[in-house]
Amino acid sequence: MRRTAAVLAVLAAGAVILAALNSGTRHGHLDPRSADPTGSRAVAELLKERGVTTRVVTTAREAADATGPRTTLLVTDPDRLGAGQRSAIRSAIDLSGGRTVLLAPGDHSLSDLSPGVRTEGDAGSDDLDPRCALPAATSAGRAGTGGDLRYTTALPGATACYPSGGHPTLLVLPTGTTGGDTVLLGSETILLNESLAEQGNASLALQLLGSRPDLVWYLPSLADSDPGTGPGDQDKSLLELIPAGWSWALLQLFLAAALAALWRARRLGPLVTEKLPVAIRASEATEGRARLYRKAGARDRAATVLRAATRERLAALVGVPPTRAHEPAVLVPAVSARLTGEPRDVAALLFGTTPSDDAALVALADHLDALEREVRTS
């Protein structure tokens, strides 16, 4: 028992250490360092291959300081930002001369970050057609920009793409600084690892985020959050708060416990082969079974056994495969061809009805024996 406890303790310690080591390499939702299905490492790697440098920041001040004419600023969760953070990002939009991409901003953040734009509810379809003249959209084609927010605006110079129900899910707005623009993307789908390869998602993501050589990826931290607002403040269950690495540790611990239980469990069945006290001759076993059939009046069962055994032996004699020995259309012609004496109803003998009495059963056995002898000697 103590040995089992020691083994379980070692396995548990190893699982915890492994989970702790792995947890340092796992990141959150829309993180460009995360290879999870809801991470964005795939698009970051594709941008890197095209010479775009990605920098991850977690505060609005870092994001604003890093912007410029050669920079694209991606704000992954605008609705989480507090008033001070929204003000800093708005100043960067107005003064940087670069591109700012706001991911699924709602009315809470649009009033500060993009005045003159408001939401129009959820898009009814996930994959939409561009239906606009924006080069990035026309070259990407159909993409997963729906399924979340739609927008409406009366601002001059706005380019509306990927409409759903008459309202765009992608808006491109020029800023006051020459060369700068703001992109409002109503869905995060095109940036996720699990959906990047679908439709024109990869093409659209690369063109929206790769128009400048530097990309600032802003993942708002808790310090930048506005208390009581945004989806990040919703209550989460205990399982959602547990890091992903610990769930793997619990799974490994469960498997270790199951293996230990199987190892210590008693074996099923006898430990040694049981020897019979006496050997029974085949003839005695046959006679005993025959008496049981007779006592039960089971002429149908006895006739079936006799006929089945005869059919199998005859099939071997006339060259019929064992798998087809019980098919009348195959066995009867082959047996009849080997008979040379008086005509016999082979089908009735081998596949007939149940004998009406014991005398008929005995007669059936005699006829079957005679048929088999004739085939053997033919």
Protein backbone atom coordinates (compact mmCIF):
# COMPACT_ATOMS: atom_id res chain seq x y z
CA MET A 1 0.00 0.00 0.00
CA ARG A 2 2.81 2.38 0.88
CA ARG A 3 4.56 1.54 -2.37
CA THR A 4 1.41 2.41 -4.33
CA ALA A 5 1.07 5.72 -2.49
CA ALA A 6 4.70 6.55 -3.26
CA VAL A 7 4.23 5.81 -6.97
CA LEU A 8 1.11 7.99 -7.11
CA ALA A 9 2.92 10.81 -5.31
CA VAL A 10 5.80 10.72 -7.81
CA LEU A 11 3.42 10.69 -10.77
CA ALA A 12 1.40 13.58 -9.34
CA ALA A 13 4.53 15.63 -8.73
CA GLY A 14 5.72 15.00 -12.30
CA ALA A 15 2.33 15.98 -13.72
CA VAL A 16 2.27 19.21 -11.74
CA ILE A 17 5.81 20.13 -12.79
CA LEU A 18 5.02 19.39 -16.43
CA ALA A 19 1.85 21.48 -16.29
CA ALA A 20 3.71 24.36 -14.67
CA LEU A 21 6.39 24.27 -17.36
CA ASN A 22 3.83 24.14 -20.15
CA SER A 23 1.69 26.91 -18.68
CA GLY A 24 4.47 29.42 -19.24
CA THR A 25 4.24 28.89 -23.00
CA ARG A 26 0.45 29.23 -23.21
CA HIS A 27 -1.21 32.57 -23.72
CA GLY A 28 -4.70 33.93 -23.90
CA HIS A 29 -7.41 34.73 -26.40
CA LEU A 30 -6.22 36.56 -29.57
CA ASP A 31 -2.64 36.49 -28.31
CA PRO A 32 -0.13 36.42 -31.22
CA ARG A 33 2.10 34.13 -29.13
CA SER A 34 -0.62 31.51 -28.61
CA ALA A 35 -0.95 28.37 -30.75
CA ASP A 36 -4.33 27.54 -29.15
CA PRO A 37 -7.37 27.44 -31.48
CA THR A 38 -8.47 30.88 -30.21
CA GLY A 39 -4.96 32.33 -30.31
CA SER A 40 -3.45 34.33 -33.19
CA ARG A 41 0.04 32.94 -33.59
CA ALA A 42 -0.62 31.78 -37.15
CA VAL A 43 -1.34 35.25 -38.50
CA ALA A 44 1.63 36.68 -36.57
CA GLU A 45 3.93 34.10 -38.16
CA LEU A 46 2.60 34.88 -41.65
CA LEU A 47 3.17 38.58 -41.05
CA LYS A 48 6.71 37.85 -39.88
CA GLU A 49 7.44 36.02 -43.13
CA ARG A 50 6.38 39.19 -44.97
CA GLY A 51 8.73 41.40 -42.98
CA VAL A 52 6.19 42.76 -40.50
CA THR A 53 7.46 43.04 -36.91
CA THR A 54 4.86 42.33 -34.22
CA ARG A 55 5.17 43.86 -30.76
CA VAL A 56 2.79 42.93 -27.95
CA VAL A 57 1.82 45.65 -25.45
CA THR A 58 -0.61 45.52 -22.54
CA THR A 59 -1.18 49.19 -21.66
CA ALA A 60 -2.69 52.06 -23.60
CA ARG A 61 0.35 54.27 -22.86
CA GLU A 62 2.71 51.71 -24.43
CA ALA A 63 0.40 51.36 -27.42
CA ALA A 64 0.15 55.14 -27.97
CA ASP A 65 3.91 55.67 -27.61
CA ALA A 66 4.66 52.93 -30.16
CA THR A 67 2.44 54.31 -32.95
CA GLY A 68 3.60 56.26 -35.96
CA PRO A 69 3.24 56.56 -39.76
CA ARG A 70 4.92 53.15 -40.24
CA THR A 71 2.81 51.42 -37.60
CA THR A 72 -0.44 49.50 -37.44
CA LEU A 73 -2.07 49.50 -34.01
CA LEU A 74 -4.44 46.59 -33.30
CA VAL A 75 -6.73 47.03 -30.28
CA THR A 76 -8.12 43.57 -29.54
CA ASP A 77 -10.79 44.55 -26.98
CA PRO A 78 -11.73 48.24 -27.18
CA ASP A 79 -14.77 47.88 -24.96
CA ARG A 80 -12.60 46.88 -21.98
CA LEU A 81 -10.73 50.18 -21.96
CA GLY A 82 -11.34 52.84 -19.34
CA ALA A 83 -11.91 56.48 -20.20
CA GLY A 84 -8.24 57.43 -19.82
CA GLN A 85 -7.13 54.54 -22.02
CA ARG A 86 -9.67 55.40 -24.71
CA SER A 87 -8.43 59.00 -24.68
CA ALA A 88 -4.83 57.87 -25.17
CA ILE A 89 -5.77 55.61 -28.08
CA ARG A 90 -7.89 58.36 -29.64
CA SER A 91 -4.90 60.74 -29.56
CA ALA A 92 -2.77 58.08 -31.25
CA ILE A 93 -5.41 57.66 -33.95
CA ASP A 94 -5.48 61.41 -34.66
CA LEU A 95 -1.74 62.07 -34.57
CA SER A 96 0.12 58.94 -35.63
CA GLY A 97 -0.59 58.97 -39.35
CA GLY A 98 -0.63 55.17 -39.29
CA ARG A 99 -3.42 52.61 -39.25
CA THR A 100 -5.52 51.68 -36.24
CA VAL A 101 -7.58 48.47 -36.26
CA LEU A 102 -10.36 48.28 -33.68
CA LEU A 103 -11.59 44.72 -33.19
CA ALA A 104 -15.36 44.43 -32.62
CA PRO A 105 -15.81 47.81 -30.87
CA GLY A 106 -19.28 48.38 -29.39
CA ASP A 107 -21.13 51.60 -28.71
CA HIS A 108 -19.37 51.85 -25.33
CA SER A 109 -16.02 52.53 -27.02
CA LEU A 110 -17.14 53.93 -30.38
CA SER A 111 -18.27 57.22 -28.83
CA ASP A 112 -14.63 57.99 -27.92
CA LEU A 113 -12.58 56.04 -30.44
CA SER A 114 -14.66 56.60 -33.57
CA PRO A 115 -17.34 59.30 -33.15
CA GLY A 116 -20.00 59.23 -35.83
CA VAL A 117 -20.17 55.45 -35.99
CA ARG A 118 -22.65 53.25 -34.15
CA THR A 119 -23.50 49.58 -34.11
CA GLU A 120 -26.50 48.02 -35.86
CA GLY A 121 -26.80 44.72 -34.02
CA ASP A 122 -25.35 41.34 -34.93
CA ALA A 123 -24.61 40.10 -38.43
CA GLY A 124 -26.74 37.16 -39.43
CA SER A 125 -24.11 35.21 -41.38
CA ASP A 126 -20.51 34.29 -40.59
CA ASP A 127 -19.06 34.36 -44.12
CA LEU A 128 -19.81 37.41 -46.24
CA ASP A 129 -18.88 38.83 -49.65
CA PRO A 130 -16.94 42.13 -49.77
CA ARG A 131 -19.22 44.18 -52.06
CA CYS A 132 -16.93 47.21 -51.94
CA ALA A 133 -13.96 48.72 -53.80
CA LEU A 134 -11.43 48.32 -50.97
CA PRO A 135 -8.42 46.51 -52.55
CA ALA A 136 -7.80 44.38 -49.47
CA ALA A 137 -11.40 43.16 -49.52
CA THR A 138 -11.69 42.57 -53.26
CA SER A 139 -8.50 40.51 -53.37
CA ALA A 140 -9.46 38.49 -50.28
CA GLY A 141 -13.00 37.80 -51.44
CA ARG A 142 -15.46 36.04 -49.17
CA ALA A 143 -14.33 36.08 -45.52
CA GLY A 144 -15.57 35.40 -41.98
CA THR A 145 -16.33 38.97 -40.99
CA GLY A 146 -19.91 38.29 -39.88
CA GLY A 147 -21.47 36.64 -36.90
CA ASP A 148 -20.88 39.58 -34.58
CA LEU A 149 -21.29 43.37 -34.97
CA ARG A 150 -22.46 45.54 -37.87
CA TYR A 151 -21.95 49.29 -38.16
CA THR A 152 -23.49 52.37 -39.70
CA THR A 153 -22.06 55.83 -40.30
CA ALA A 154 -22.65 59.01 -42.25
CA LEU A 155 -19.00 60.18 -42.11
CA PRO A 156 -17.59 61.30 -45.47
CA GLY A 157 -14.92 59.13 -47.06
CA ALA A 158 -15.91 55.95 -45.21
CA THR A 159 -15.51 52.65 -47.09
CA ALA A 160 -18.11 50.04 -46.11
CA CYS A 161 -17.40 46.38 -46.84
CA TYR A 162 -18.84 42.93 -46.14
CA PRO A 163 -22.43 44.05 -45.57
CA SER A 164 -24.97 41.94 -43.75
CA GLY A 165 -28.58 43.05 -43.97
CA GLY A 166 -27.51 46.34 -45.55
CA HIS A 167 -24.96 47.27 -42.87
CA PRO A 168 -21.20 46.70 -43.14
CA THR A 169 -19.16 44.53 -40.82
CA LEU A 170 -15.94 46.23 -41.96
CA LEU A 171 -15.49 50.01 -42.05
CA VAL A 172 -12.40 51.96 -43.13
CA LEU A 173 -12.39 55.61 -42.01
CA PRO A 174 -9.78 58.22 -42.95
CA THR A 175 -8.22 60.13 -40.03
CA GLY A 176 -7.25 63.77 -39.81
CA THR A 177 -3.58 63.02 -40.41
CA THR A 178 -2.60 62.42 -44.02
CA GLY A 179 -2.13 58.72 -44.78
CA GLY A 180 -3.76 57.50 -41.59
CA ASP A 181 -6.94 55.47 -41.33
CA THR A 182 -9.05 53.56 -38.83
CA VAL A 183 -10.42 50.08 -39.52
CA LEU A 184 -13.47 48.84 -37.63
CA LEU A 185 -13.70 45.05 -37.87
CA GLY A 186 -16.92 43.62 -36.47
CA SER A 187 -15.66 40.05 -35.92
CA GLU A 188 -12.45 38.50 -34.60
CA THR A 189 -12.84 35.34 -36.69
CA ILE A 190 -10.26 36.18 -39.36
CA LEU A 191 -7.50 36.48 -36.73
CA LEU A 192 -8.05 33.16 -34.93
CA ASN A 193 -5.80 30.15 -35.55
CA GLU A 194 -8.78 27.81 -35.94
CA SER A 195 -10.39 29.81 -38.76
CA LEU A 196 -7.47 31.56 -40.48
CA ALA A 197 -7.33 29.00 -43.31
CA GLU A 198 -11.04 29.32 -44.14
CA GLN A 199 -12.40 31.39 -47.05
CA GLY A 200 -10.29 34.56 -47.59
CA ASN A 201 -9.62 35.10 -43.89
CA ALA A 202 -5.83 34.87 -44.12
CA SER A 203 -5.62 37.25 -47.08
CA LEU A 204 -7.85 39.84 -45.44
CA ALA A 205 -6.03 39.62 -42.09
CA LEU A 206 -2.60 40.00 -43.70
CA GLN A 207 -3.66 43.01 -45.75
CA LEU A 208 -5.37 44.78 -42.86
CA LEU A 209 -2.52 44.22 -40.41
CA GLY A 210 0.43 44.15 -42.82
CA SER A 211 0.09 47.47 -44.64
CA ARG A 212 2.87 48.94 -42.43
CA PRO A 213 6.20 47.34 -41.44
CA ASP A 214 5.45 47.49 -37.68
CA LEU A 215 2.44 46.02 -35.91
CA VAL A 216 1.61 46.95 -32.31
CA TRP A 217 -0.67 44.25 -30.86
CA TYR A 218 -2.49 45.76 -27.90
CA LEU A 219 -3.91 43.21 -25.44
CA PRO A 220 -5.55 45.33 -22.69
CA SER A 221 -4.49 44.25 -19.21
CA LEU A 222 -6.69 44.30 -16.13
CA ALA A 223 -5.10 47.62 -15.16
CA ASP A 224 -6.43 49.17 -18.38
CA SER A 225 -9.93 47.77 -17.92
CA ASP A 226 -12.95 49.91 -17.12
CA PRO A 227 -14.62 48.25 -14.08
CA GLY A 228 -18.13 47.02 -14.78
CA THR A 229 -17.88 47.18 -18.57
CA GLY A 230 -16.88 44.81 -21.34
CA PRO A 231 -17.24 41.09 -21.69
CA GLY A 232 -14.14 40.44 -19.62
CA ASP A 233 -16.00 41.40 -16.42
CA GLN A 234 -18.66 38.73 -16.71
CA ASP A 235 -18.69 36.09 -14.00
CA LYS A 236 -16.66 33.01 -14.87
CA SER A 237 -17.00 29.51 -13.57
CA LEU A 238 -14.30 27.82 -11.52
CA LEU A 239 -13.24 25.65 -14.48
CA GLU A 240 -12.82 28.74 -16.70
CA LEU A 241 -10.49 30.28 -14.11
CA ILE A 242 -8.21 27.22 -13.95
CA PRO A 243 -5.18 27.60 -16.30
CA ALA A 244 -5.09 25.18 -19.22
CA GLY A 245 -1.92 23.48 -17.95
CA TRP A 246 -3.58 22.39 -14.72
CA SER A 247 -6.37 20.60 -16.55
CA TRP A 248 -3.71 18.48 -18.28
CA ALA A 249 -2.14 17.77 -14.90
CA LEU A 250 -5.46 16.55 -13.50
CA LEU A 251 -5.98 14.34 -16.56
CA GLN A 252 -2.53 12.78 -16.17
CA LEU A 253 -3.13 12.23 -12.47
CA PHE A 254 -6.44 10.48 -13.21
CA LEU A 255 -4.77 8.20 -15.78
CA ALA A 256 -1.99 7.37 -13.31
CA ALA A 257 -4.54 6.47 -10.63
CA ALA A 258 -6.46 4.27 -13.11
CA LEU A 259 -3.29 2.42 -14.14
CA ALA A 260 -2.31 1.89 -10.50
CA ALA A 261 -5.78 0.51 -9.75
CA LEU A 262 -5.54 -1.93 -12.65
CA TRP A 263 -2.07 -2.95 -11.54
CA ARG A 264 -3.19 -3.75 -8.00
CA ALA A 265 -6.55 -5.27 -8.92
CA ARG A 266 -7.20 -9.01 -8.67
CA ARG A 267 -7.03 -11.01 -11.86
CA LEU A 268 -10.23 -12.28 -13.41
CA GLY A 269 -10.67 -16.01 -14.01
CA PRO A 270 -8.73 -19.05 -12.72
CA LEU A 271 -5.01 -18.75 -12.06
CA VAL A 272 -4.29 -22.25 -13.44
CA THR A 273 -5.96 -24.48 -16.00
CA GLU A 274 -8.53 -26.74 -14.34
CA LYS A 275 -8.20 -30.42 -15.19
CA LEU A 276 -11.33 -32.54 -15.61
CA PRO A 277 -11.54 -35.49 -13.17
CA VAL A 278 -12.42 -38.03 -15.90
CA ALA A 279 -12.26 -38.29 -19.68
CA ILE A 280 -15.59 -38.97 -21.39
CA ARG A 281 -15.63 -40.92 -24.65
CA ALA A 282 -17.25 -39.25 -27.66
CA SER A 283 -19.71 -42.11 -28.09
CA GLU A 284 -20.94 -41.73 -24.52
CA ALA A 285 -21.39 -37.98 -24.94
CA THR A 286 -23.36 -38.63 -28.15
CA GLU A 287 -25.60 -41.18 -26.48
CA GLY A 288 -26.18 -38.91 -23.52
CA ARG A 289 -27.22 -36.04 -25.76
CA ALA A 290 -29.50 -38.36 -27.74
CA ARG A 291 -31.24 -39.45 -24.54
CA LEU A 292 -31.77 -35.81 -23.60
CA TYR A 293 -33.31 -35.11 -27.03
CA ARG A 294 -35.55 -38.17 -26.67
CA LYS A 295 -36.64 -37.25 -23.16
CA ALA A 296 -37.51 -33.73 -24.28
CA GLY A 297 -39.20 -34.95 -27.46
CA ALA A 298 -36.91 -32.64 -29.42
CA ARG A 299 -37.16 -34.42 -32.77
CA ASP A 300 -36.85 -31.09 -34.57
CA ARG A 301 -33.54 -30.31 -32.89
CA ALA A 302 -32.20 -33.83 -33.41
CA ALA A 303 -33.16 -33.83 -37.10
CA THR A 304 -31.55 -30.42 -37.55
CA VAL A 305 -28.28 -31.61 -36.00
CA LEU A 306 -28.24 -34.78 -38.14
CA ARG A 307 -28.93 -32.93 -41.37
CA ALA A 308 -26.43 -30.14 -40.64
CA ALA A 309 -23.63 -32.59 -39.88
CA THR A 310 -24.43 -34.62 -43.02
CA ARG A 311 -24.50 -31.48 -45.19
CA GLU A 312 -21.07 -30.42 -43.95
CA ARG A 313 -19.54 -33.85 -44.65
CA LEU A 314 -21.18 -34.07 -48.08
CA ALA A 315 -19.98 -30.57 -48.98
CA ALA A 316 -16.40 -31.66 -48.35
CA LEU A 317 -16.91 -34.74 -50.53
CA VAL A 318 -18.46 -32.97 -53.54
CA GLY A 319 -16.24 -29.88 -53.48
CA VAL A 320 -18.73 -27.32 -52.15
CA PRO A 321 -17.16 -24.60 -49.97
CA PRO A 322 -17.99 -24.97 -46.23
CA THR A 323 -19.57 -21.53 -46.19
CA ARG A 324 -22.15 -22.69 -48.76
CA ALA A 325 -22.78 -26.16 -47.39
CA HIS A 326 -26.21 -25.14 -46.06
CA GLU A 327 -27.49 -23.57 -49.28
CA PRO A 328 -29.91 -25.92 -51.10
CA ALA A 329 -29.30 -24.32 -54.50
CA VAL A 330 -25.59 -25.14 -54.27
CA LEU A 331 -25.37 -28.41 -52.35
CA VAL A 332 -28.31 -30.40 -53.79
CA PRO A 333 -27.19 -30.31 -57.47
CA ALA A 334 -23.62 -31.21 -56.49
CA VAL A 335 -24.75 -34.22 -54.44
CA SER A 336 -27.29 -35.39 -57.04
CA ALA A 337 -24.60 -35.43 -59.70
CA ARG A 338 -22.66 -38.01 -57.66
CA LEU A 339 -25.57 -40.45 -57.28
CA THR A 340 -25.72 -43.42 -59.64
CA GLY A 341 -28.42 -45.60 -58.10
CA GLU A 342 -32.16 -45.13 -57.92
CA PRO A 343 -33.41 -41.52 -57.86
CA ARG A 344 -33.66 -39.89 -54.42
CA ASP A 345 -35.22 -36.71 -53.17
CA VAL A 346 -31.93 -35.20 -51.97
CA ALA A 347 -33.51 -31.86 -51.10
CA ALA A 348 -36.08 -33.51 -48.82
CA LEU A 349 -33.41 -35.55 -47.08
CA LEU A 350 -31.00 -32.69 -46.45
CA PHE A 351 -33.43 -29.76 -46.05
CA GLY A 352 -36.82 -31.38 -45.37
CA THR A 353 -39.39 -31.06 -42.62
CA THR A 354 -39.21 -32.32 -39.05
CA PRO A 355 -40.00 -36.11 -38.63
CA SER A 356 -43.44 -36.76 -37.18
CA ASP A 357 -42.36 -39.46 -34.71
CA ASP A 358 -39.34 -41.33 -33.42
CA ALA A 359 -39.58 -43.99 -36.11
CA ALA A 360 -39.44 -41.34 -38.82
CA LEU A 361 -36.41 -39.77 -37.09
CA VAL A 362 -34.59 -43.15 -37.08
CA ALA A 363 -35.49 -43.63 -40.74
CA LEU A 364 -34.13 -40.18 -41.55
CA ALA A 365 -30.83 -41.07 -39.87
CA ASP A 366 -30.61 -44.31 -41.89
CA HIS A 367 -31.35 -42.53 -45.18
CA LEU A 368 -28.74 -39.87 -44.44
CA ASP A 369 -26.13 -42.53 -43.72
CA ALA A 370 -26.99 -44.34 -46.93
CA LEU A 371 -26.77 -41.12 -48.95
CA GLU A 372 -23.36 -40.31 -47.51
CA ARG A 373 -22.05 -43.84 -48.21
CA GLU A 374 -23.21 -43.70 -51.80
CA VAL A 375 -21.53 -40.36 -52.37
CA ARG A 376 -18.30 -41.59 -50.79
CA THR A 377 -18.17 -44.69 -53.00
CA SER A 378 -19.27 -43.00 -56.21
